[in-house]
N, C-alpha and C. Protein backbone atom coordinates (compact mmCIF):
# COMPACT_ATOMS: atom_id res chain seq x y z
N MET A 1 190.95 255.95 -25.54
CA MET A 1 192.17 255.23 -25.11
C MET A 1 191.76 254.00 -24.30
N HIS A 2 192.37 252.90 -24.60
CA HIS A 2 192.03 251.65 -23.91
C HIS A 2 193.05 251.34 -22.84
N LEU A 3 192.59 250.93 -21.71
CA LEU A 3 193.46 250.55 -20.61
C LEU A 3 193.74 249.07 -20.71
N LYS A 4 195.00 248.71 -20.93
CA LYS A 4 195.36 247.30 -21.01
C LYS A 4 195.44 246.71 -19.63
N VAL A 5 194.71 245.64 -19.41
CA VAL A 5 194.66 245.00 -18.10
C VAL A 5 194.98 243.53 -18.26
N ARG A 6 196.00 243.07 -17.57
CA ARG A 6 196.29 241.65 -17.56
C ARG A 6 195.42 241.00 -16.50
N TYR A 7 195.43 239.67 -16.46
CA TYR A 7 194.69 238.98 -15.41
C TYR A 7 195.09 239.59 -14.07
N SER A 8 194.13 240.11 -13.35
CA SER A 8 194.50 240.76 -12.09
C SER A 8 193.46 240.60 -11.00
N ALA A 9 192.30 240.09 -11.35
CA ALA A 9 191.26 239.96 -10.33
C ALA A 9 191.59 238.88 -9.33
N ARG A 10 191.23 239.13 -8.08
CA ARG A 10 191.43 238.12 -7.05
C ARG A 10 190.29 237.11 -7.07
N MET A 11 190.58 235.89 -6.68
CA MET A 11 189.51 234.92 -6.55
C MET A 11 188.56 235.39 -5.45
N THR A 12 187.28 235.28 -5.67
CA THR A 12 186.29 235.77 -4.73
C THR A 12 186.15 234.85 -3.54
N ALA A 13 185.37 235.31 -2.56
CA ALA A 13 185.16 234.50 -1.35
C ALA A 13 184.55 233.16 -1.70
N ALA A 14 183.77 233.14 -2.79
CA ALA A 14 183.12 231.90 -3.18
C ALA A 14 184.13 230.84 -3.59
N THR A 15 185.34 231.27 -3.91
CA THR A 15 186.35 230.31 -4.35
C THR A 15 187.47 230.15 -3.33
N ASN A 16 187.24 230.56 -2.08
CA ASN A 16 188.26 230.40 -1.05
C ASN A 16 188.61 228.93 -0.86
N ALA A 17 187.60 228.06 -0.92
CA ALA A 17 187.86 226.63 -0.78
C ALA A 17 188.73 226.15 -1.92
N GLN A 18 188.50 226.69 -3.09
CA GLN A 18 189.33 226.32 -4.24
C GLN A 18 190.76 226.80 -4.03
N GLY A 19 190.91 227.99 -3.41
CA GLY A 19 192.25 228.50 -3.12
C GLY A 19 193.01 227.57 -2.19
N GLU A 20 192.31 227.03 -1.18
CA GLU A 20 192.95 226.08 -0.27
C GLU A 20 193.34 224.80 -1.02
N GLN A 21 192.46 224.38 -1.92
CA GLN A 21 192.73 223.19 -2.72
C GLN A 21 193.96 223.40 -3.60
N VAL A 22 194.07 224.60 -4.18
CA VAL A 22 195.24 224.93 -5.00
C VAL A 22 196.51 224.88 -4.16
N GLY A 23 196.42 225.41 -2.93
CA GLY A 23 197.59 225.40 -2.05
C GLY A 23 198.08 224.00 -1.76
N VAL A 24 197.15 223.08 -1.53
CA VAL A 24 197.52 221.68 -1.29
C VAL A 24 198.23 221.11 -2.52
N GLY A 25 197.69 221.41 -3.71
CA GLY A 25 198.30 220.91 -4.93
C GLY A 25 199.67 221.50 -5.18
N VAL A 26 199.83 222.78 -4.88
CA VAL A 26 201.12 223.43 -5.07
C VAL A 26 202.17 222.80 -4.15
N ARG A 27 201.80 222.59 -2.88
CA ARG A 27 202.74 221.97 -1.95
C ARG A 27 203.13 220.57 -2.42
N ARG A 28 202.14 219.81 -2.88
CA ARG A 28 202.41 218.45 -3.34
C ARG A 28 203.37 218.46 -4.52
N ARG A 29 203.14 219.32 -5.49
CA ARG A 29 204.00 219.36 -6.67
C ARG A 29 205.41 219.85 -6.31
N ARG A 30 205.47 220.82 -5.41
CA ARG A 30 206.79 221.32 -4.99
C ARG A 30 207.59 220.22 -4.30
N GLN A 31 206.93 219.49 -3.41
CA GLN A 31 207.63 218.43 -2.68
C GLN A 31 208.01 217.28 -3.60
N GLN A 32 207.17 216.99 -4.59
CA GLN A 32 207.51 215.94 -5.56
C GLN A 32 208.80 216.27 -6.31
N ARG A 33 209.01 217.54 -6.53
CA ARG A 33 210.20 217.97 -7.27
C ARG A 33 211.40 218.20 -6.36
N GLY A 34 211.17 218.13 -5.05
CA GLY A 34 212.25 218.33 -4.10
C GLY A 34 212.69 219.78 -3.99
N TRP A 35 211.78 220.70 -4.30
CA TRP A 35 212.11 222.11 -4.25
C TRP A 35 211.88 222.67 -2.85
N THR A 36 212.80 223.48 -2.38
CA THR A 36 212.56 224.25 -1.16
C THR A 36 211.62 225.40 -1.52
N LEU A 37 211.12 226.10 -0.51
CA LEU A 37 210.26 227.25 -0.78
C LEU A 37 211.01 228.30 -1.59
N ASP A 38 212.29 228.52 -1.27
CA ASP A 38 213.07 229.52 -2.00
C ASP A 38 213.24 229.13 -3.46
N VAL A 39 213.58 227.88 -3.71
CA VAL A 39 213.76 227.41 -5.08
C VAL A 39 212.44 227.49 -5.84
N ALA A 40 211.37 227.03 -5.20
CA ALA A 40 210.07 227.03 -5.85
C ALA A 40 209.61 228.45 -6.17
N ALA A 41 209.84 229.37 -5.24
CA ALA A 41 209.42 230.75 -5.47
C ALA A 41 210.10 231.31 -6.72
N GLY A 42 211.39 231.02 -6.86
CA GLY A 42 212.13 231.49 -8.03
C GLY A 42 211.61 230.88 -9.33
N ARG A 43 211.32 229.59 -9.29
CA ARG A 43 210.88 228.91 -10.51
C ARG A 43 209.44 229.23 -10.87
N LEU A 44 208.63 229.54 -9.87
CA LEU A 44 207.22 229.82 -10.12
C LEU A 44 206.93 231.30 -10.32
N GLY A 45 207.93 232.13 -10.10
CA GLY A 45 207.76 233.56 -10.35
C GLY A 45 206.93 234.28 -9.31
N VAL A 46 206.99 233.80 -8.06
CA VAL A 46 206.26 234.46 -6.97
C VAL A 46 207.21 234.65 -5.80
N SER A 47 206.80 235.45 -4.82
CA SER A 47 207.63 235.64 -3.65
C SER A 47 207.54 234.43 -2.72
N ARG A 48 208.56 234.25 -1.92
CA ARG A 48 208.56 233.14 -0.96
C ARG A 48 207.39 233.30 0.01
N ARG A 49 207.14 234.54 0.45
CA ARG A 49 206.06 234.80 1.39
C ARG A 49 204.71 234.41 0.80
N LEU A 50 204.46 234.82 -0.45
CA LEU A 50 203.19 234.49 -1.08
C LEU A 50 203.04 232.99 -1.25
N LEU A 51 204.13 232.33 -1.62
CA LEU A 51 204.07 230.88 -1.81
C LEU A 51 203.73 230.18 -0.49
N ALA A 52 204.36 230.62 0.60
CA ALA A 52 204.07 230.03 1.90
C ALA A 52 202.61 230.27 2.30
N GLN A 53 202.12 231.47 2.03
CA GLN A 53 200.72 231.78 2.34
C GLN A 53 199.78 230.92 1.50
N LEU A 54 200.13 230.75 0.23
CA LEU A 54 199.29 229.95 -0.65
C LEU A 54 199.23 228.50 -0.18
N GLU A 55 200.38 227.94 0.15
CA GLU A 55 200.41 226.55 0.62
C GLU A 55 199.68 226.40 1.94
N GLY A 56 199.64 227.46 2.73
CA GLY A 56 198.93 227.41 4.01
C GLY A 56 197.46 227.75 3.90
N GLY A 57 196.98 227.96 2.68
CA GLY A 57 195.57 228.27 2.48
C GLY A 57 195.20 229.67 2.93
N GLN A 58 196.18 230.57 3.00
CA GLN A 58 195.92 231.92 3.51
C GLN A 58 196.01 232.98 2.42
N ALA A 59 196.27 232.58 1.19
CA ALA A 59 196.43 233.55 0.11
C ALA A 59 195.20 233.57 -0.77
N ASN A 60 194.97 234.70 -1.41
CA ASN A 60 193.89 234.87 -2.37
C ASN A 60 194.54 235.31 -3.68
N PRO A 61 195.14 234.37 -4.42
CA PRO A 61 196.01 234.74 -5.55
C PRO A 61 195.25 235.32 -6.74
N SER A 62 195.91 236.22 -7.44
CA SER A 62 195.36 236.75 -8.68
C SER A 62 195.50 235.69 -9.77
N LEU A 63 194.79 235.89 -10.85
CA LEU A 63 194.87 234.95 -11.96
C LEU A 63 196.26 234.97 -12.58
N SER A 64 196.90 236.15 -12.61
CA SER A 64 198.26 236.22 -13.15
C SER A 64 199.20 235.37 -12.31
N THR A 65 198.98 235.35 -10.98
CA THR A 65 199.81 234.52 -10.11
C THR A 65 199.56 233.04 -10.39
N LEU A 66 198.29 232.66 -10.55
CA LEU A 66 197.97 231.27 -10.85
C LEU A 66 198.59 230.83 -12.17
N LEU A 67 198.53 231.71 -13.18
CA LEU A 67 199.12 231.38 -14.48
C LEU A 67 200.63 231.24 -14.37
N SER A 68 201.26 232.10 -13.58
CA SER A 68 202.71 232.01 -13.39
C SER A 68 203.10 230.71 -12.70
N ILE A 69 202.33 230.31 -11.70
CA ILE A 69 202.61 229.07 -10.98
C ILE A 69 202.41 227.87 -11.91
N ALA A 70 201.32 227.88 -12.67
CA ALA A 70 201.07 226.78 -13.61
C ALA A 70 202.20 226.67 -14.62
N ALA A 71 202.65 227.82 -15.13
CA ALA A 71 203.75 227.80 -16.10
C ALA A 71 205.03 227.27 -15.46
N GLY A 72 205.27 227.63 -14.20
CA GLY A 72 206.48 227.16 -13.52
C GLY A 72 206.49 225.66 -13.32
N PHE A 73 205.31 225.08 -13.12
CA PHE A 73 205.20 223.62 -13.00
C PHE A 73 205.04 222.95 -14.36
N ASP A 74 204.90 223.76 -15.42
CA ASP A 74 204.65 223.26 -16.78
C ASP A 74 203.37 222.43 -16.83
N ILE A 75 202.34 223.00 -16.24
CA ILE A 75 201.01 222.39 -16.29
C ILE A 75 200.02 223.47 -16.72
N SER A 76 198.80 223.07 -17.02
CA SER A 76 197.78 224.04 -17.42
C SER A 76 197.11 224.63 -16.19
N LEU A 77 196.42 225.74 -16.41
CA LEU A 77 195.65 226.35 -15.32
C LEU A 77 194.60 225.38 -14.80
N VAL A 78 193.97 224.63 -15.69
CA VAL A 78 192.96 223.67 -15.28
C VAL A 78 193.55 222.63 -14.34
N GLU A 79 194.74 222.12 -14.69
CA GLU A 79 195.40 221.13 -13.82
C GLU A 79 195.67 221.72 -12.45
N LEU A 80 196.10 222.98 -12.42
CA LEU A 80 196.42 223.62 -11.15
C LEU A 80 195.17 223.77 -10.29
N LEU A 81 194.05 224.09 -10.92
CA LEU A 81 192.81 224.31 -10.17
C LEU A 81 192.08 223.03 -9.83
N ALA A 82 192.38 221.96 -10.57
CA ALA A 82 191.65 220.70 -10.39
C ALA A 82 192.06 220.02 -9.09
N GLY A 83 191.14 219.26 -8.57
CA GLY A 83 191.44 218.46 -7.38
C GLY A 83 190.74 217.13 -7.46
N GLY A 84 191.38 216.09 -7.03
CA GLY A 84 190.76 214.76 -7.02
C GLY A 84 190.71 214.15 -8.40
N ASP A 85 189.97 213.06 -8.51
CA ASP A 85 189.85 212.36 -9.77
C ASP A 85 188.99 213.17 -10.74
N LYS A 86 189.32 213.05 -12.02
CA LYS A 86 188.56 213.74 -13.05
C LYS A 86 187.38 212.87 -13.46
N PRO A 87 186.15 213.37 -13.34
CA PRO A 87 184.99 212.58 -13.74
C PRO A 87 184.92 212.46 -15.26
N SER A 88 184.16 211.47 -15.73
CA SER A 88 184.02 211.30 -17.17
C SER A 88 183.22 212.43 -17.78
N ILE A 89 182.31 213.02 -17.01
CA ILE A 89 181.55 214.18 -17.46
C ILE A 89 181.59 215.23 -16.35
N SER A 90 182.01 216.44 -16.71
CA SER A 90 182.00 217.55 -15.75
C SER A 90 180.88 218.49 -16.14
N VAL A 91 179.96 218.76 -15.23
CA VAL A 91 178.82 219.62 -15.50
C VAL A 91 178.92 220.87 -14.63
N GLN A 92 178.77 222.03 -15.25
CA GLN A 92 178.67 223.29 -14.51
C GLN A 92 177.18 223.61 -14.44
N PRO A 93 176.53 223.31 -13.31
CA PRO A 93 175.07 223.45 -13.24
C PRO A 93 174.57 224.88 -13.34
N ASP A 94 175.42 225.85 -13.01
CA ASP A 94 175.00 227.25 -13.05
C ASP A 94 176.20 228.10 -13.46
N ASN A 95 176.24 228.48 -14.74
CA ASN A 95 177.39 229.23 -15.23
C ASN A 95 177.61 230.53 -14.47
N ALA A 96 176.53 231.11 -13.95
CA ALA A 96 176.65 232.37 -13.21
C ALA A 96 177.41 232.19 -11.90
N SER A 97 177.52 230.95 -11.41
CA SER A 97 178.22 230.70 -10.16
C SER A 97 179.67 230.24 -10.40
N ALA A 98 180.08 230.12 -11.67
CA ALA A 98 181.46 229.74 -11.97
C ALA A 98 182.40 230.84 -11.47
N PRO A 99 183.61 230.48 -11.07
CA PRO A 99 184.51 231.48 -10.49
C PRO A 99 184.89 232.58 -11.48
N VAL A 100 184.84 233.82 -11.01
CA VAL A 100 185.30 234.96 -11.79
C VAL A 100 186.81 235.07 -11.57
N LEU A 101 187.58 234.86 -12.64
CA LEU A 101 189.04 234.88 -12.52
C LEU A 101 189.68 236.10 -13.15
N TRP A 102 188.86 236.96 -13.75
CA TRP A 102 189.37 238.23 -14.28
C TRP A 102 188.25 239.24 -14.22
N ALA A 103 188.58 240.47 -13.88
CA ALA A 103 187.60 241.55 -13.89
C ALA A 103 188.23 242.77 -14.55
N GLY A 104 187.53 243.35 -15.50
CA GLY A 104 188.03 244.52 -16.20
C GLY A 104 187.72 245.80 -15.44
N PRO A 105 188.38 246.90 -15.80
CA PRO A 105 188.19 248.16 -15.08
C PRO A 105 186.83 248.80 -15.31
N TYR A 106 186.12 248.35 -16.36
CA TYR A 106 184.83 248.97 -16.69
C TYR A 106 183.65 248.02 -16.48
N GLY A 107 183.89 246.86 -15.87
CA GLY A 107 182.80 245.97 -15.53
C GLY A 107 182.80 244.62 -16.23
N GLY A 108 183.74 244.39 -17.12
CA GLY A 108 183.82 243.08 -17.77
C GLY A 108 184.34 242.03 -16.81
N GLU A 109 184.14 240.76 -17.16
CA GLU A 109 184.61 239.66 -16.32
C GLU A 109 184.77 238.40 -17.14
N ALA A 110 185.54 237.48 -16.59
CA ALA A 110 185.75 236.18 -17.23
C ALA A 110 185.52 235.09 -16.21
N ARG A 111 184.73 234.09 -16.60
CA ARG A 111 184.45 232.94 -15.73
C ARG A 111 184.95 231.67 -16.39
N LEU A 112 185.71 230.88 -15.64
CA LEU A 112 186.13 229.57 -16.12
C LEU A 112 185.00 228.59 -15.84
N LEU A 113 184.33 228.14 -16.91
CA LEU A 113 183.14 227.30 -16.75
C LEU A 113 183.50 225.86 -16.44
N VAL A 114 184.22 225.23 -17.32
CA VAL A 114 184.66 223.84 -17.12
C VAL A 114 186.01 223.68 -17.79
N GLY A 115 186.71 222.63 -17.40
CA GLY A 115 188.00 222.36 -18.04
C GLY A 115 188.58 221.05 -17.59
N SER A 116 189.36 220.47 -18.46
CA SER A 116 190.13 219.27 -18.17
C SER A 116 191.31 219.30 -19.10
N ASP A 117 192.51 219.26 -18.52
CA ASP A 117 193.72 219.42 -19.30
C ASP A 117 193.67 218.61 -20.59
N PRO A 118 193.93 219.22 -21.75
CA PRO A 118 194.44 220.58 -21.96
C PRO A 118 193.38 221.57 -22.43
N LEU A 119 192.11 221.36 -22.10
CA LEU A 119 191.03 222.17 -22.65
C LEU A 119 190.32 222.96 -21.55
N GLU A 120 190.03 224.24 -21.84
CA GLU A 120 189.30 225.10 -20.93
C GLU A 120 188.15 225.75 -21.69
N LEU A 121 187.02 225.96 -21.02
CA LEU A 121 185.89 226.67 -21.60
C LEU A 121 185.54 227.86 -20.70
N TRP A 122 185.57 229.06 -21.29
CA TRP A 122 185.36 230.30 -20.56
C TRP A 122 184.15 231.05 -21.09
N HIS A 123 183.56 231.88 -20.22
CA HIS A 123 182.58 232.87 -20.65
C HIS A 123 183.13 234.25 -20.30
N TRP A 124 183.24 235.11 -21.32
CA TRP A 124 183.82 236.44 -21.15
C TRP A 124 182.79 237.52 -21.44
N SER A 125 182.87 238.61 -20.71
CA SER A 125 182.14 239.82 -21.05
C SER A 125 183.12 240.98 -20.99
N LEU A 126 183.00 241.88 -21.96
CA LEU A 126 183.85 243.07 -22.01
C LEU A 126 182.95 244.29 -22.10
N ALA A 127 183.04 245.17 -21.11
CA ALA A 127 182.31 246.43 -21.17
C ALA A 127 183.04 247.35 -22.16
N PRO A 128 182.38 248.37 -22.68
CA PRO A 128 183.06 249.30 -23.57
C PRO A 128 184.35 249.84 -22.94
N GLY A 129 185.45 249.72 -23.65
CA GLY A 129 186.75 250.17 -23.14
C GLY A 129 187.57 249.09 -22.48
N ASP A 130 186.95 247.96 -22.12
CA ASP A 130 187.70 246.87 -21.50
C ASP A 130 188.65 246.23 -22.50
N GLU A 131 189.80 245.82 -22.02
CA GLU A 131 190.75 245.07 -22.83
C GLU A 131 191.47 244.06 -21.96
N ARG A 132 191.62 242.87 -22.47
CA ARG A 132 192.38 241.84 -21.77
C ARG A 132 193.56 241.44 -22.66
N THR A 133 194.77 241.51 -22.10
CA THR A 133 195.96 241.12 -22.84
C THR A 133 196.53 239.85 -22.24
N SER A 134 197.20 239.07 -23.06
CA SER A 134 197.77 237.80 -22.60
C SER A 134 199.14 237.61 -23.23
N ASP A 135 200.06 237.11 -22.45
CA ASP A 135 201.34 236.68 -22.99
C ASP A 135 201.12 235.42 -23.83
N ALA A 136 202.12 235.05 -24.58
CA ALA A 136 202.03 233.83 -25.38
C ALA A 136 201.85 232.62 -24.47
N HIS A 137 200.97 231.71 -24.87
CA HIS A 137 200.81 230.44 -24.17
C HIS A 137 201.87 229.46 -24.64
N ARG A 138 201.74 228.22 -24.23
CA ARG A 138 202.71 227.19 -24.62
C ARG A 138 202.69 226.96 -26.13
N PRO A 139 203.78 226.40 -26.67
CA PRO A 139 203.79 226.09 -28.11
C PRO A 139 202.58 225.26 -28.52
N ASN A 140 202.03 225.59 -29.66
CA ASN A 140 200.88 224.90 -30.27
C ASN A 140 199.56 225.16 -29.57
N ALA A 141 199.52 226.10 -28.63
CA ALA A 141 198.25 226.45 -27.99
C ALA A 141 197.33 227.11 -29.02
N ARG A 142 196.04 226.85 -28.88
CA ARG A 142 195.05 227.43 -29.78
C ARG A 142 193.88 227.96 -28.95
N GLU A 143 193.22 228.98 -29.46
CA GLU A 143 192.00 229.49 -28.85
C GLU A 143 190.94 229.66 -29.93
N ALA A 144 189.69 229.42 -29.55
CA ALA A 144 188.56 229.63 -30.44
C ALA A 144 187.51 230.42 -29.67
N LEU A 145 186.95 231.43 -30.32
CA LEU A 145 185.92 232.21 -29.63
C LEU A 145 184.68 232.35 -30.51
N TYR A 146 183.55 232.50 -29.83
CA TYR A 146 182.26 232.70 -30.49
C TYR A 146 181.61 233.90 -29.81
N VAL A 147 181.40 234.95 -30.57
CA VAL A 147 180.84 236.18 -30.02
C VAL A 147 179.32 236.07 -29.97
N THR A 148 178.77 236.27 -28.80
CA THR A 148 177.32 236.13 -28.61
C THR A 148 176.61 237.48 -28.51
N ALA A 149 177.36 238.55 -28.28
CA ALA A 149 176.76 239.89 -28.24
C ALA A 149 177.84 240.92 -28.50
N GLY A 150 177.48 242.01 -29.18
CA GLY A 150 178.44 243.07 -29.46
C GLY A 150 179.50 242.64 -30.45
N ALA A 151 180.69 243.19 -30.29
CA ALA A 151 181.81 242.88 -31.17
C ALA A 151 183.10 242.91 -30.37
N VAL A 152 184.03 242.04 -30.73
CA VAL A 152 185.30 241.92 -30.03
C VAL A 152 186.43 242.17 -31.02
N THR A 153 187.35 243.06 -30.67
CA THR A 153 188.53 243.30 -31.49
C THR A 153 189.64 242.38 -31.02
N LEU A 154 190.11 241.55 -31.92
CA LEU A 154 191.12 240.53 -31.61
C LEU A 154 192.45 240.95 -32.20
N CYS A 155 193.49 240.97 -31.37
CA CYS A 155 194.84 241.33 -31.82
C CYS A 155 195.77 240.16 -31.53
N ILE A 156 196.47 239.67 -32.56
CA ILE A 156 197.39 238.55 -32.42
C ILE A 156 198.77 238.99 -32.87
N GLY A 157 199.74 238.98 -31.94
CA GLY A 157 201.09 239.36 -32.28
C GLY A 157 201.13 240.73 -32.94
N SER A 158 201.86 240.82 -34.06
CA SER A 158 201.99 242.09 -34.77
C SER A 158 200.99 242.22 -35.92
N ASP A 159 200.06 241.25 -36.05
CA ASP A 159 199.06 241.30 -37.12
C ASP A 159 198.08 242.46 -36.89
N ASP A 160 197.41 242.85 -37.95
CA ASP A 160 196.39 243.89 -37.83
C ASP A 160 195.22 243.38 -37.00
N PRO A 161 194.58 244.24 -36.21
CA PRO A 161 193.42 243.83 -35.43
C PRO A 161 192.29 243.33 -36.33
N VAL A 162 191.52 242.39 -35.83
CA VAL A 162 190.36 241.85 -36.55
C VAL A 162 189.14 241.98 -35.65
N VAL A 163 188.05 242.49 -36.18
CA VAL A 163 186.82 242.65 -35.42
C VAL A 163 185.93 241.43 -35.65
N ILE A 164 185.56 240.75 -34.57
CA ILE A 164 184.67 239.59 -34.63
C ILE A 164 183.32 240.04 -34.09
N LYS A 165 182.29 239.97 -34.93
CA LYS A 165 180.97 240.48 -34.57
C LYS A 165 180.06 239.37 -34.04
N ARG A 166 178.92 239.79 -33.53
CA ARG A 166 177.92 238.85 -32.98
C ARG A 166 177.62 237.74 -33.98
N ASN A 167 177.60 236.52 -33.47
CA ASN A 167 177.35 235.30 -34.25
C ASN A 167 178.48 234.94 -35.21
N GLN A 168 179.65 235.57 -35.03
CA GLN A 168 180.84 235.17 -35.77
C GLN A 168 181.80 234.44 -34.83
N SER A 169 182.67 233.63 -35.43
CA SER A 169 183.64 232.83 -34.66
C SER A 169 185.03 233.06 -35.21
N ALA A 170 186.03 232.73 -34.40
CA ALA A 170 187.42 232.85 -34.83
C ALA A 170 188.26 231.78 -34.15
N LEU A 171 189.26 231.29 -34.86
CA LEU A 171 190.23 230.33 -34.34
C LEU A 171 191.61 230.92 -34.57
N PHE A 172 192.48 230.88 -33.56
CA PHE A 172 193.79 231.50 -33.73
C PHE A 172 194.85 230.84 -32.85
N ARG A 173 196.09 231.07 -33.25
CA ARG A 173 197.24 230.59 -32.47
C ARG A 173 197.34 231.44 -31.20
N ALA A 174 197.47 230.77 -30.07
CA ALA A 174 197.60 231.49 -28.80
C ALA A 174 199.02 231.38 -28.25
N ASP A 175 199.95 230.88 -29.08
CA ASP A 175 201.33 230.78 -28.62
C ASP A 175 202.14 232.01 -29.00
N GLU A 176 201.45 233.13 -29.16
CA GLU A 176 202.08 234.43 -29.27
C GLU A 176 201.19 235.44 -28.56
N PRO A 177 201.72 236.59 -28.16
CA PRO A 177 200.91 237.54 -27.41
C PRO A 177 199.62 237.89 -28.15
N HIS A 178 198.53 238.05 -27.38
CA HIS A 178 197.25 238.35 -27.99
C HIS A 178 196.38 239.13 -27.02
N SER A 179 195.34 239.74 -27.56
CA SER A 179 194.45 240.50 -26.70
C SER A 179 193.05 240.55 -27.30
N TYR A 180 192.07 240.79 -26.42
CA TYR A 180 190.69 241.02 -26.82
C TYR A 180 190.29 242.37 -26.24
N ARG A 181 189.55 243.17 -27.01
CA ARG A 181 189.07 244.44 -26.46
C ARG A 181 187.72 244.79 -27.07
N ASN A 182 187.05 245.67 -26.38
CA ASN A 182 185.73 246.14 -26.82
C ASN A 182 185.85 247.59 -27.23
N ASP A 183 185.83 247.83 -28.55
CA ASP A 183 185.90 249.19 -29.08
C ASP A 183 184.51 249.80 -29.26
N GLY A 184 183.46 249.02 -28.98
CA GLY A 184 182.10 249.49 -29.22
C GLY A 184 181.52 250.30 -28.07
N LYS A 185 180.24 250.61 -28.20
CA LYS A 185 179.55 251.41 -27.20
C LYS A 185 178.62 250.56 -26.33
N THR A 186 178.54 249.26 -26.64
CA THR A 186 177.72 248.34 -25.85
C THR A 186 178.59 247.17 -25.40
N SER A 187 178.14 246.43 -24.41
CA SER A 187 178.91 245.30 -23.89
C SER A 187 179.05 244.21 -24.95
N ALA A 188 180.14 243.51 -24.88
CA ALA A 188 180.39 242.37 -25.76
C ALA A 188 180.56 241.13 -24.90
N THR A 189 180.01 240.00 -25.36
CA THR A 189 180.18 238.74 -24.65
C THR A 189 180.62 237.68 -25.64
N PHE A 190 181.43 236.76 -25.15
CA PHE A 190 181.87 235.67 -26.02
C PHE A 190 182.22 234.44 -25.20
N VAL A 191 182.10 233.30 -25.86
CA VAL A 191 182.51 232.02 -25.29
C VAL A 191 183.90 231.72 -25.86
N LEU A 192 184.82 231.33 -24.98
CA LEU A 192 186.19 231.09 -25.39
C LEU A 192 186.63 229.68 -25.00
N ALA A 193 187.15 228.96 -25.97
CA ALA A 193 187.74 227.64 -25.73
C ALA A 193 189.24 227.77 -25.86
N VAL A 194 189.98 227.28 -24.88
CA VAL A 194 191.44 227.35 -24.88
C VAL A 194 192.00 225.94 -24.87
N HIS A 195 192.86 225.65 -25.83
CA HIS A 195 193.54 224.35 -25.88
C HIS A 195 195.02 224.62 -25.71
N GLU A 196 195.56 224.22 -24.56
CA GLU A 196 196.95 224.50 -24.23
C GLU A 196 197.64 223.22 -23.78
N PRO A 197 198.32 222.53 -24.68
CA PRO A 197 199.02 221.28 -24.31
C PRO A 197 200.08 221.56 -23.26
N SER A 198 200.26 220.60 -22.37
CA SER A 198 201.30 220.72 -21.36
C SER A 198 202.08 219.42 -21.30
N GLY A 199 203.31 219.54 -20.78
CA GLY A 199 204.13 218.35 -20.69
C GLY A 199 204.77 218.19 -19.35
N GLY A 200 204.12 218.78 -18.34
CA GLY A 200 204.71 218.77 -17.00
C GLY A 200 204.45 217.50 -16.25
N VAL A 201 205.13 217.37 -15.09
CA VAL A 201 204.91 216.26 -14.19
C VAL A 201 203.62 216.52 -13.43
N PRO A 202 202.66 215.59 -13.35
CA PRO A 202 201.40 215.88 -12.65
C PRO A 202 201.59 216.07 -11.16
């Protein structure tokens, strides 16, 4: 039996500075729209208390919370996490130090390596039994994955599951519910590219 786990890991201490940066951006976007904390909390799908803590740099939000806030502003996760001017080239000098934004119950994890709206590049690992589920992304969103070890079972909407094995790739629509899981007995790893167009106010 597989335990379905949505994004639920908290940002680690290594990303506390990023959490403060996110809070500044959230406050800026809320004020640009003229939203009170109560109005913003309703539109972003979070509690007023959590929103106030986030804007004050005192919250350690889960990835599901970050995704909900990004959706409420109609921006991508990358836009929400970004700060300052976007360089012409973004380099992640050490992928192992990239923020872990999801952790599975059996030891899997997901790291956001680099991104610039509307594109994100992730590194995922799934321990045996791990499963990550996702709600539908924005219209016309696409994801592409390349399995580097083990095998990943990919489920899109009501379609039959498809097993993607080591050194195989897949491209699929991400604007409907989807999930990745590891049905094998060894760990699976894959690189994931997410393209999610947004039309929000920056």
